[in-house]
Protein backbone atom coordinates (compact mmCIF):
# COMPACT_ATOMS: atom_id res chain seq x y z
CA MET A 1 -23.01 107.74 -1.19
CA ALA A 2 -25.54 107.27 -3.89
CA ALA A 3 -25.00 104.33 -6.21
CA ASP A 4 -26.33 106.19 -9.23
CA GLY A 5 -23.00 107.36 -10.61
CA PRO A 6 -19.34 108.01 -9.99
CA ALA A 7 -18.21 110.31 -7.25
CA PRO A 8 -17.81 113.95 -8.34
CA ALA A 9 -14.28 114.85 -9.33
CA ARG A 10 -12.34 117.00 -6.92
CA ARG A 11 -11.03 120.25 -8.29
CA ARG A 12 -7.39 120.99 -7.80
CA GLU A 13 -6.35 124.37 -6.64
CA PRO A 14 -4.14 126.16 -9.15
CA ARG A 15 -0.50 126.41 -8.16
CA ALA A 16 1.22 129.70 -7.83
CA GLU A 17 2.90 130.49 -11.12
CA ARG A 18 6.65 130.32 -11.01
CA PRO A 19 8.71 132.06 -13.64
CA ARG A 20 9.95 129.45 -16.08
CA LYS A 21 13.54 129.26 -17.11
CA LYS A 22 14.10 129.80 -20.80
CA LYS A 23 15.88 126.71 -22.06
CA GLY A 24 15.57 127.56 -25.73
CA LYS A 25 19.01 129.16 -26.05
CA THR A 26 20.75 126.34 -24.18
CA ILE A 27 19.08 123.63 -26.23
CA ALA A 28 19.82 125.49 -29.46
CA LEU A 29 23.49 125.78 -28.49
CA ILE A 30 23.73 122.07 -27.63
CA LEU A 31 22.05 121.12 -30.91
CA LEU A 32 24.36 123.44 -32.80
CA LEU A 33 27.41 121.83 -31.20
CA PHE A 34 26.29 118.23 -31.66
CA LEU A 35 24.83 118.62 -35.13
CA GLY A 36 27.07 121.37 -36.42
CA ALA A 37 30.44 119.89 -35.47
CA PRO A 38 30.15 116.76 -37.65
CA ALA A 39 28.79 118.85 -40.53
CA ALA A 40 31.66 121.31 -40.18
CA GLY A 41 34.16 118.44 -40.05
CA ALA A 42 32.70 116.88 -43.19
CA ALA A 43 32.74 120.24 -44.98
CA TRP A 44 36.38 120.76 -43.97
CA TYR A 45 37.32 117.26 -45.15
CA PHE A 46 35.70 117.66 -48.57
CA MET A 47 37.28 121.08 -49.08
CA GLN A 48 40.77 119.56 -48.75
CA PRO A 49 42.78 118.61 -51.85
CA ALA A 50 42.62 114.96 -52.94
CA GLU A 51 46.13 114.11 -51.66
CA ARG A 52 45.30 115.56 -48.21
CA GLN A 53 42.06 113.53 -48.10
CA GLN A 54 44.08 110.40 -48.89
CA GLN A 55 46.55 111.19 -46.08
CA ILE A 56 43.66 111.54 -43.63
CA GLN A 57 42.15 108.23 -44.79
CA ASP A 58 45.52 106.48 -44.42
CA LYS A 59 45.76 107.60 -40.78
CA LEU A 60 42.40 106.03 -39.88
CA PRO A 61 42.62 102.47 -38.51
CA GLU A 62 41.29 99.54 -40.53
CA GLY A 63 37.58 98.85 -40.06
CA TRP A 64 36.66 102.30 -38.80
CA GLN A 65 33.61 102.40 -41.08
CA ASP A 66 32.03 99.36 -39.41
CA ARG A 67 32.57 100.81 -35.96
CA ALA A 68 31.14 104.16 -37.05
CA VAL A 69 28.04 102.44 -38.48
CA LYS A 70 27.57 100.50 -35.21
CA ALA A 71 27.85 103.77 -33.25
CA GLY A 72 25.26 105.36 -35.55
CA ILE A 73 22.87 102.43 -35.07
CA CYS A 74 23.42 102.64 -31.31
CA ILE A 75 22.56 106.35 -31.23
CA GLY A 76 19.46 105.70 -33.35
CA VAL A 77 18.21 102.98 -30.99
CA LEU A 78 19.04 105.23 -28.04
CA PHE A 79 16.96 108.02 -29.57
CA VAL A 80 13.99 105.69 -30.15
CA LEU A 81 14.14 104.36 -26.58
CA ALA A 82 14.49 107.79 -25.00
CA LYS A 83 12.08 109.82 -27.12
CA ILE A 84 9.42 107.29 -28.12
CA VAL A 85 9.35 104.19 -25.92
CA LEU A 86 9.96 105.82 -22.53
CA PRO A 87 7.21 108.49 -22.91
CA LEU A 88 4.79 105.86 -24.23
CA LEU A 89 5.41 103.59 -21.26
CA HIS A 90 5.13 106.54 -18.89
CA GLY A 91 1.79 107.54 -20.37
CA ALA A 92 0.51 103.96 -20.34
CA ALA A 93 1.47 103.50 -16.70
CA GLY A 94 -0.20 106.79 -15.78
CA GLY A 95 -3.41 105.94 -17.61
CA LEU A 96 -3.56 102.44 -16.18
CA GLY A 97 -2.90 103.84 -12.69
CA ARG A 98 -5.79 106.27 -13.09
CA ALA A 99 -8.02 103.44 -14.31
CA LEU A 100 -7.09 101.37 -11.25
CA ALA A 101 -7.82 104.31 -8.98
CA ALA A 102 -11.22 104.73 -10.61
CA MET A 103 -11.92 101.02 -10.12
CA ARG A 104 -11.20 101.38 -6.40
CA THR A 105 -13.90 104.01 -6.03
CA LYS A 106 -16.63 101.65 -7.23
CA PRO A 107 -19.00 100.02 -4.74
CA THR A 108 -17.86 96.70 -3.29
CA TRP A 109 -20.39 94.56 -5.14
CA LEU A 110 -19.36 96.13 -8.45
CA ARG A 111 -15.67 95.63 -7.67
CA VAL A 112 -16.35 91.93 -7.08
CA VAL A 113 -18.10 91.69 -10.44
CA LEU A 114 -15.35 93.65 -12.21
CA PHE A 115 -12.48 91.87 -10.46
CA PRO A 116 -11.18 90.16 -13.65
CA ILE A 117 -10.94 93.53 -15.39
CA GLU A 118 -9.22 95.06 -12.38
CA LEU A 119 -6.76 92.17 -12.31
CA ILE A 120 -5.95 92.66 -16.00
CA LEU A 121 -5.47 96.40 -15.41
CA TRP A 122 -3.16 95.69 -12.49
CA ILE A 123 -1.08 93.24 -14.56
CA LEU A 124 -0.80 95.73 -17.44
CA PHE A 125 0.10 98.51 -14.99
CA THR A 126 2.86 96.35 -13.50
CA VAL A 127 4.17 95.41 -16.95
CA ALA A 128 4.24 99.09 -17.97
CA ARG A 129 6.14 100.06 -14.81
CA LEU A 130 8.63 97.21 -15.27
CA GLY A 131 8.98 98.20 -18.92
CA ARG A 132 9.85 101.76 -17.90
CA ALA A 133 12.52 100.47 -15.52
CA ALA A 134 13.96 98.13 -18.17
CA ASP A 135 13.92 100.96 -20.72
CA ALA A 136 15.82 103.26 -18.35
CA VAL A 137 18.45 100.55 -17.77
CA ALA A 138 18.69 99.97 -21.54
CA ILE A 139 19.19 103.71 -22.13
CA VAL A 140 22.05 103.87 -19.62
CA GLY A 141 23.63 100.75 -21.12
CA LEU A 142 23.33 102.09 -24.66
CA CYS A 143 24.95 105.37 -23.59
CA ALA A 144 27.93 103.44 -22.25
CA LEU A 145 28.08 101.27 -25.38
CA PHE A 146 27.88 104.35 -27.61
CA LEU A 147 30.79 106.00 -25.80
CA ILE A 148 32.87 102.83 -26.10
CA LEU A 149 32.05 102.52 -29.80
CA VAL A 150 32.95 106.14 -30.48
CA VAL A 151 36.30 105.80 -28.70
CA ARG A 152 37.00 102.53 -30.52
CA ILE A 153 36.55 104.18 -33.91
CA MET A 154 40.03 105.68 -33.53
CA LYS A 155 41.46 103.26 -30.94
CA PRO A 156 40.30 99.76 -32.00
CA GLU A 157 42.70 98.01 -29.64
CA LEU A 158 41.10 99.63 -26.57
CA LEU A 159 39.52 96.94 -24.34
CA ALA A 160 39.56 94.49 -27.26
CA GLU A 161 40.04 91.40 -25.08
CA TYR A 162 37.26 92.35 -22.61
CA LEU A 163 34.46 93.35 -24.94
CA PRO A 164 32.21 90.99 -26.92
CA ALA A 165 32.13 90.80 -30.69
CA ILE A 166 29.53 93.58 -30.97
CA VAL A 167 32.18 96.27 -30.49
CA LYS A 168 34.86 94.66 -32.65
């Protein structure tokens, strides 16, 4: 190989096109159910007479507002982890992996000279991969915590002696 530049990039052969499933209707239905149901419940509640609203409020257990706020915070953090942090870590790990692969194609003498940079890339790549794994575990844990918090809004005595103060 000539040492005057990087190796030419290999061209990938295009894959045979497969018909894609249309997920738009399914996603729209799920969004309608998850976003529309609370809005419909709130509209129904505020359309009730004042004495009926008071009866509904009297049936709710004490402290339900705090538990509902904690569930809302939990779903917000879950959204940030799933839609922002996880894709960022995935992209970082992919980019760092490609940079490491490019470093491996360099001539031996250049790799020896650039070893500190390659070591830093490897450490960052490992941190990004471990971050992705930790983020996935955090997402699963937050899903479980969210479900517990939502159930405890109406049943505050459920698992009260086993759970830490965060869900009380």
